[in-house]
Protein backbone atom coordinates (compact mmCIF):
# COMPACT_ATOMS: atom_id res chain seq x y z
CA MET A 1 158.22 81.08 70.59
CA ARG A 2 156.49 79.15 73.64
CA PHE A 3 153.35 81.64 72.81
CA HIS A 4 153.08 80.26 69.42
CA GLY A 5 153.57 76.66 70.41
CA THR A 6 157.18 76.33 70.09
CA ARG A 7 157.02 77.51 66.09
CA ARG A 8 160.68 78.70 64.65
CA PRO A 9 160.96 82.63 64.52
CA ALA A 10 161.48 82.06 61.01
CA GLU A 11 158.06 80.63 60.56
CA LEU A 12 156.40 83.61 62.23
CA GLY A 13 155.49 86.90 60.82
CA GLU A 14 153.97 90.15 61.36
CA ARG A 15 150.56 88.68 62.32
CA GLU A 16 152.00 86.44 65.42
CA ILE A 17 154.57 89.11 66.51
CA ALA A 18 151.83 92.10 67.05
CA GLU A 19 149.56 89.05 68.38
CA PHE A 20 152.32 88.33 70.95
CA LEU A 21 153.21 92.50 71.74
CA THR A 22 149.22 92.41 72.53
CA HIS A 23 149.55 89.55 74.72
CA LEU A 24 151.98 91.44 76.90
CA ALA A 25 149.91 94.51 76.95
CA THR A 26 146.38 93.16 77.87
CA GLY A 27 147.01 89.32 79.27
CA VAL A 28 150.22 89.60 80.95
CA ARG A 29 149.82 93.11 81.94
CA VAL A 30 153.38 94.30 81.68
CA SER A 31 154.91 98.01 81.92
CA ALA A 32 155.07 99.96 78.67
CA SER A 33 159.06 99.91 79.29
CA THR A 34 158.78 96.28 79.29
CA GLN A 35 156.55 95.79 75.98
CA THR A 36 158.78 98.45 74.40
CA GLN A 37 162.11 96.72 75.16
CA ALA A 38 160.03 93.33 73.96
CA LEU A 39 159.63 94.82 70.33
CA SER A 40 163.17 95.79 69.88
CA ALA A 41 164.42 92.50 70.69
CA LEU A 42 162.40 91.57 68.27
CA LEU A 43 163.20 93.95 65.75
CA PHE A 44 166.68 93.27 66.32
CA LEU A 45 166.37 89.65 65.94
CA TYR A 46 164.39 89.96 62.57
CA ARG A 47 166.33 92.45 61.06
CA ASP A 48 170.02 91.44 62.30
CA ILE A 49 170.18 88.08 62.89
CA LEU A 50 167.30 86.36 60.52
CA GLY A 51 168.05 89.02 57.91
CA ARG A 52 164.05 89.54 57.56
CA PRO A 53 163.13 92.95 58.45
CA PHE A 54 158.85 92.86 59.17
CA ASN A 55 156.98 95.75 58.07
CA GLU A 56 155.11 98.37 60.39
CA LEU A 57 153.16 96.07 62.51
CA GLN A 58 149.14 96.75 62.99
CA GLY A 59 146.72 96.32 65.62
CA ILE A 60 149.20 96.30 68.58
CA ALA A 61 146.91 97.15 71.94
CA ARG A 62 150.04 99.22 73.56
CA ALA A 63 150.49 99.28 77.54
CA LYS A 64 149.93 102.76 79.17
CA ARG A 65 152.53 104.55 80.96
CA PRO A 66 151.13 105.50 84.30
CA GLU A 67 151.22 108.82 85.39
CA ARG A 68 152.58 108.90 88.75
CA VAL A 69 153.68 111.47 91.12
CA PRO A 70 157.49 111.68 92.38
CA VAL A 71 157.82 110.59 95.80
CA VAL A 72 158.94 113.62 98.07
CA LEU A 73 160.13 113.36 102.10
CA SER A 74 159.45 116.28 104.54
CA ARG A 75 162.43 118.49 106.02
CA VAL A 76 161.98 116.23 109.14
CA GLU A 77 162.53 113.43 107.18
CA ILE A 78 165.03 114.85 105.22
CA ARG A 79 167.19 115.50 108.58
CA ILE A 80 166.28 112.14 109.62
CA VAL A 81 167.73 110.43 106.88
CA LEU A 82 171.04 112.27 106.71
CA GLY A 83 171.51 111.74 110.27
CA CYS A 84 171.39 107.83 109.63
CA LEU A 85 174.25 108.42 106.89
CA SER A 86 177.83 109.03 107.53
CA GLY A 87 181.11 109.39 105.54
CA VAL A 88 181.41 109.52 101.81
CA PRO A 89 177.58 108.57 101.54
CA ARG A 90 176.44 111.54 103.85
CA LEU A 91 178.14 114.11 101.74
CA VAL A 92 176.78 112.81 98.26
CA ALA A 93 173.51 112.33 99.69
CA ALA A 94 173.77 116.20 101.30
CA LEU A 95 174.88 117.12 97.61
CA LEU A 96 172.05 115.54 96.18
CA TYR A 97 169.68 117.21 97.94
CA ARG A 98 170.92 120.73 98.40
CA ALA A 99 172.16 121.13 94.57
CA GLY A 100 168.98 119.11 93.29
CA LEU A 101 171.78 116.57 91.46
CA ARG A 102 171.17 113.38 89.90
CA LEU A 103 173.10 110.50 91.29
CA LEU A 104 175.47 109.74 88.49
CA GLU A 105 175.80 113.95 88.00
CA CYS A 106 177.16 114.16 91.41
CA LEU A 107 179.33 110.88 91.19
CA GLU A 108 180.75 112.41 88.09
CA LEU A 109 181.85 115.75 89.23
CA ARG A 110 185.37 116.73 88.99
CA VAL A 111 187.54 118.90 91.30
CA LYS A 112 187.51 121.63 88.60
CA ASP A 113 183.13 121.31 88.25
CA LEU A 114 183.08 122.95 91.73
CA ASP A 115 183.64 127.00 91.95
CA PHE A 116 183.69 127.80 95.48
CA GLU A 117 184.10 131.53 95.29
CA SER A 118 180.92 132.03 93.51
CA GLY A 119 178.80 128.97 94.42
CA GLN A 120 178.28 127.40 91.78
CA ILE A 121 178.43 123.79 90.35
CA THR A 122 178.64 122.84 86.45
CA ILE A 123 177.25 119.85 85.68
CA ARG A 124 178.88 118.49 82.62
CA SER A 125 177.32 116.19 80.10
CA GLY A 126 174.00 115.73 82.19
CA LYS A 127 171.09 114.42 81.09
CA GLY A 128 170.48 114.71 77.26
CA ALA A 129 174.37 115.87 77.01
CA LYS A 130 173.68 119.37 77.81
CA ASP A 131 175.90 121.16 80.39
CA ARG A 132 173.96 123.37 83.47
CA MET A 133 174.95 125.58 86.19
CA THR A 134 173.51 124.89 89.67
CA VAL A 135 173.74 126.05 93.44
CA LEU A 136 176.86 124.95 95.52
CA PRO A 137 175.15 125.12 99.17
CA GLN A 138 177.16 127.01 101.63
CA SER A 139 176.75 124.65 104.45
CA LEU A 140 178.69 122.21 102.22
CA ILE A 141 181.52 124.32 101.57
CA ALA A 142 183.45 123.20 104.27
CA PRO A 143 183.14 119.65 104.55
CA LEU A 144 183.68 119.38 100.68
CA ARG A 145 186.94 121.37 101.19
CA ALA A 146 187.73 119.19 103.92
CA HIS A 147 186.74 115.95 101.69
CA LEU A 148 189.14 117.24 98.92
CA ARG A 149 192.05 117.69 100.96
CA ARG A 150 191.68 113.88 101.70
CA VAL A 151 191.14 113.30 97.90
CA GLU A 152 194.04 114.91 97.01
CA LEU A 153 196.71 113.24 99.37
CA LEU A 154 195.00 110.08 97.78
CA HIS A 155 195.82 111.27 94.56
CA GLN A 156 199.39 112.11 95.42
CA ARG A 157 199.88 108.60 96.70
CA ASP A 158 198.33 106.98 93.42
CA VAL A 159 200.89 109.28 91.55
CA ALA A 160 203.53 108.35 93.24
CA ARG A 161 203.04 104.62 92.33
CA GLU A 162 202.09 105.65 88.67
CA ALA A 163 198.20 104.94 89.01
CA GLY A 164 196.87 108.35 89.32
CA ARG A 165 195.01 108.87 86.34
CA ALA A 166 191.24 109.40 85.71
CA PRO A 167 189.19 108.52 83.01
CA LEU A 168 188.80 111.47 80.55
CA PRO A 169 185.95 112.20 78.41
CA GLY A 170 185.59 111.32 74.49
CA ALA A 171 188.89 111.72 72.99
CA LEU A 172 190.82 114.08 75.21
CA GLY A 173 192.99 111.72 76.39
CA ARG A 174 194.71 111.54 73.16
CA LYS A 175 194.75 115.49 72.68
CA ALA A 176 196.16 115.56 76.14
CA SER A 177 197.96 113.30 77.34
CA GLY A 178 198.93 114.71 80.92
CA ALA A 179 195.44 115.81 81.81
CA ALA A 180 194.52 112.28 83.03
CA GLU A 181 197.15 112.72 86.06
CA ASP A 182 196.02 116.53 86.52
CA TRP A 183 194.39 117.11 89.73
CA ARG A 184 191.47 119.28 88.66
CA TRP A 185 190.51 116.16 86.54
CA GLN A 186 190.32 113.90 89.19
CA TYR A 187 186.83 112.76 90.33
CA VAL A 188 185.35 114.58 93.34
CA PHE A 189 184.33 111.01 94.80
CA PRO A 190 187.01 108.55 93.72
CA ALA A 191 186.48 105.15 94.03
CA ALA A 192 188.10 102.73 97.02
CA ARG A 193 190.05 100.54 94.82
CA ILE A 194 191.75 101.08 91.59
CA HIS A 195 191.54 99.30 88.40
CA ARG A 196 193.64 98.62 85.08
CA ARG A 197 192.57 99.84 81.59
CA VAL A 198 191.12 97.38 79.24
CA GLY A 199 193.46 97.76 75.91
CA THR A 200 195.60 100.25 77.45
CA GLY A 201 196.64 98.12 80.96
CA GLU A 202 197.00 101.95 82.67
CA LEU A 203 196.17 101.95 86.47
CA GLU A 204 193.11 104.22 86.91
CA ARG A 205 190.88 105.36 89.70
CA HIS A 206 187.22 105.63 88.52
CA HIS A 207 184.04 107.15 90.82
CA LEU A 208 182.65 105.87 93.23
CA HIS A 209 180.21 103.29 91.64
CA GLU A 210 176.63 104.09 92.25
CA SER A 211 175.35 100.96 94.23
CA ALA A 212 177.47 101.95 97.23
CA VAL A 213 175.43 105.13 97.60
CA GLN A 214 172.37 103.40 97.09
CA ARG A 215 172.70 100.84 99.45
CA ALA A 216 173.76 103.36 102.13
CA VAL A 217 170.47 105.14 101.39
CA ARG A 218 168.50 102.39 101.63
CA ASP A 219 169.75 101.33 104.56
CA ALA A 220 169.68 104.51 106.32
CA VAL A 221 165.92 104.84 104.97
CA ARG A 222 164.72 102.06 106.89
CA ARG A 223 166.73 102.45 110.07
CA ALA A 224 165.13 106.17 110.11
CA GLY A 225 161.70 104.52 110.07
CA VAL A 226 160.77 106.40 107.05
CA THR A 227 157.88 104.64 105.41
CA LYS A 228 158.02 106.36 102.07
CA ARG A 229 159.98 104.63 99.11
CA ALA A 230 162.56 106.91 99.13
CA THR A 231 165.34 106.41 96.94
CA CYS A 232 168.37 108.65 96.27
CA HIS A 233 166.46 110.26 93.12
CA THR A 234 163.90 111.22 96.48
CA PHE A 235 166.55 113.99 97.28
CA ARG A 236 165.99 115.63 93.88
CA HIS A 237 162.12 115.84 94.05
CA SER A 238 162.52 116.90 97.68
CA PHE A 239 165.11 119.61 96.48
CA ALA A 240 162.57 120.86 93.72
CA THR A 241 159.23 120.56 95.85
CA HIS A 242 161.04 122.77 98.78
CA LEU A 243 161.95 125.36 96.57
CA LEU A 244 158.63 125.62 95.48
CA GLU A 245 157.39 125.76 98.57
CA ASP A 246 159.77 128.35 99.71
CA GLY A 247 158.45 130.72 96.70
CA TYR A 248 161.19 130.43 94.28
CA ASP A 249 159.96 130.98 90.73
CA ILE A 250 159.47 127.72 88.56
CA ARG A 251 161.14 128.81 85.54
CA THR A 252 164.24 128.90 88.26
CA VAL A 253 163.77 125.59 89.50
CA GLN A 254 163.54 124.24 86.08
CA GLU A 255 166.70 126.08 84.80
CA LEU A 256 168.53 124.34 88.16
CA LEU A 257 167.09 120.65 87.60
CA GLY A 258 168.19 120.92 83.76
CA HIS A 259 164.79 119.93 82.50
CA ARG A 260 163.85 120.86 78.91
CA ASP A 261 160.19 121.67 79.31
CA VAL A 262 158.80 123.37 81.98
CA ALA A 263 155.96 120.62 82.29
CA THR A 264 158.33 118.26 83.67
CA THR A 265 158.61 120.84 86.42
CA MET A 266 155.10 121.20 86.91
CA ILE A 267 154.74 118.17 88.16
CA TYR A 268 156.36 118.86 91.57
CA THR A 269 153.37 121.50 92.22
CA HIS A 270 150.99 118.40 92.65
CA VAL A 271 153.15 117.27 95.76
CA LEU A 272 153.46 120.88 97.97
CA GLN A 273 152.88 120.49 101.60
CA ARG A 274 149.35 122.19 101.11
CA GLY A 275 147.33 118.75 100.68
CA ALA A 276 145.76 117.97 97.40
CA MET A 277 145.65 120.79 94.63
CA GLY A 278 145.45 122.89 97.97
CA VAL A 279 142.17 121.83 99.48
CA ARG A 280 141.23 121.78 102.95
CA SER A 281 139.37 118.96 104.04
CA PRO A 282 135.83 119.90 105.32
CA MET A 283 135.97 118.11 108.64
CA ASP A 284 139.31 119.88 109.15
CA ARG A 285 137.76 123.17 108.71
CA ARG A 286 135.00 121.93 111.35
CA GLN A 287 137.74 121.06 113.75
CA LEU A 288 139.12 124.61 113.31
CA ALA A 289 135.67 125.92 114.16
CA GLU A 290 135.22 123.89 117.34
CA LEU A 291 138.89 124.95 118.57
CA GLY A 292 138.05 128.68 118.10
CA ARG A 293 134.66 128.33 120.15
CA ALA A 294 136.32 126.09 122.97
CA ALA A 295 139.24 129.06 123.06
CA HIS A 296 136.20 131.61 123.44
CA SER A 297 134.26 129.80 126.11
CA TYR A 298 137.19 129.22 128.49
CA PHE A 299 137.45 133.18 129.22
CA GLN A 300 133.60 134.10 130.17
CA PRO A 301 132.89 137.92 129.99
CA ALA A 302 133.47 140.58 132.60
CA ARG A 303 130.60 140.90 135.44
CA HIS A 304 131.44 144.20 137.11
CA PRO A 305 133.67 146.97 136.16
CA ALA A 306 135.34 146.78 139.11
CA GLN A 307 136.63 143.64 138.20
CA LEU A 308 138.70 145.48 135.47
CA LYS A 309 141.11 146.36 138.12
CA ALA A 310 143.48 143.42 136.95
CA GLY A 311 147.28 143.19 136.58
CA PHE A 312 147.06 143.97 132.68
CA SER A 313 146.38 146.55 130.40
CA MET A 314 143.98 146.83 127.77
CA GLN A 315 147.20 147.52 125.28
CA SER A 316 148.88 144.41 126.54
CA LEU A 317 145.61 142.14 126.27
CA ARG A 318 145.40 142.95 122.95
CA THR A 319 149.04 141.39 121.77
CA VAL A 320 148.40 138.29 123.76
CA SER A 321 148.25 135.19 120.99
CA TRP A 322 145.05 132.98 121.65
CA GLN A 323 147.65 130.14 122.61
CA ASN A 324 149.14 132.02 125.27
CA ARG A 325 145.83 132.13 127.01
CA ARG A 326 146.06 129.26 129.35
CA SER A 327 149.00 130.42 130.67
CA LEU A 328 147.55 133.77 131.96
CA GLN A 329 144.71 131.93 133.24
CA PRO A 330 146.09 131.69 136.89
CA ASN A 331 146.35 135.53 136.96
CA LEU A 332 143.18 136.43 135.83
CA VAL A 333 141.42 133.97 137.89
CA ARG A 334 143.60 135.33 141.04
CA HIS A 335 142.34 138.65 140.07
CA GLY A 336 138.69 137.38 139.94
CA ARG A 337 138.57 138.48 136.43
CA GLU A 338 137.73 136.48 133.41
CA LEU A 339 137.89 137.99 129.49
CA ALA A 340 136.21 137.35 126.33
CA CYS A 341 137.00 139.20 122.58
CA ALA A 342 134.55 141.14 121.23
CA CYS A 343 134.25 139.75 118.15
CA ASP A 344 133.03 136.30 119.49
CA ALA A 345 129.57 135.84 117.33
CA GLY A 346 129.13 139.56 117.35
CA PHE A 347 129.40 139.35 121.47
CA GLU A 348 127.83 142.27 123.18
CA ASP A 349 127.64 142.58 126.78
CA ARG A 350 124.46 144.90 127.32
CA SER A 351 124.64 144.26 130.90
CA MET A 352 128.13 146.06 131.71
CA ARG A 353 127.77 149.40 132.83
CA ARG A 354 128.52 152.16 130.28
CA GLY A 355 132.22 152.56 129.97
CA THR A 356 133.61 149.15 130.31
CA ARG A 357 135.70 147.87 127.48
CA VAL A 358 135.72 144.21 126.45
CA PRO A 359 139.31 143.48 124.96
CA ALA A 360 140.01 142.32 121.55
CA LEU A 361 142.55 139.52 121.93
CA SER A 362 144.83 139.12 118.30
CA GLY A 363 144.63 135.68 118.64
CA CYS A 364 141.09 135.69 117.04
CA GLY A 365 142.36 137.39 113.78
CA CYS A 366 139.81 140.39 114.77
CA SER A 367 140.34 144.08 114.54
CA ALA A 368 137.87 145.12 117.32
CA LYS A 369 138.75 147.41 119.96
CA GLY A 370 135.98 146.55 122.32
CA VAL A 371 132.49 147.36 122.86
CA ARG A 372 130.37 149.78 125.30
């Protein structure tokens, strides 16, 4: 109304509505979801309130939905953030990362959905109302068992005061009246307080609210000093990315995440720990070459066959990595001997007498056996 000079909605038609929606995209530059929400609100207003459903709108400039890569934490950052959590939020966050669950999928888990024997978790009515199976990490079996023992004691106290009921999906509450108090149907992560069901007045204990875990994760990320914009869903992104880094098939990752299309899973291939598209910067290649030349120049070629009487055999020197050459330097100098690799830019010391071998050190990756 303000956009069209405070005119009443009944006086506006399709052209004015299209102008307003175009202004949201081009003038205010709102996101695509905000523009779609505004269109849905106008559809409801004119169809259900004013009784004037308008026809298809023409000439609307649609806001573009940007393609963004997911935020992924490294394995070290995951350990640091989990170390800043405690109690139930820590167990929930660990399950989000190690099983690749969404937050609500994790909080809505029932006791019967955990299969400790086969190491599987059953996700009921996930995104798209689909069930799926995912992995139950072996490292979380003991903490989950201990947590369930505490939850069972809480459930027994609730049953004693006629409050040990859990909300049941669909019409199951009418079909199986006693299932609400059954231990198998209780939430793995119950709420701290019970509430009274609207309509029936029965006392129930719902699952832990997602905002409690979100606040704990947000505070943990801040205390850990992680500068990335990490949320609870970041653990799921990190789960998929780290599986692909470990060489798992993308179809397997798709099944574990519950994606309908493999194209959704393909986005995690763009954030692997290999740089952008696996490309190495030219400057990094130059620095590696300079590092290699510096490592070779540190060891000069032998000057006399008699100097080969050192405390190291040729076979042992071939197995020494270039990272350990510096640790060997005091012994080599003490024997008055310095070494060079035979592959060093085609190095051949022709001044050495026949029979002298220049060792091939495995650190540079060459296969030379030495020159004569």
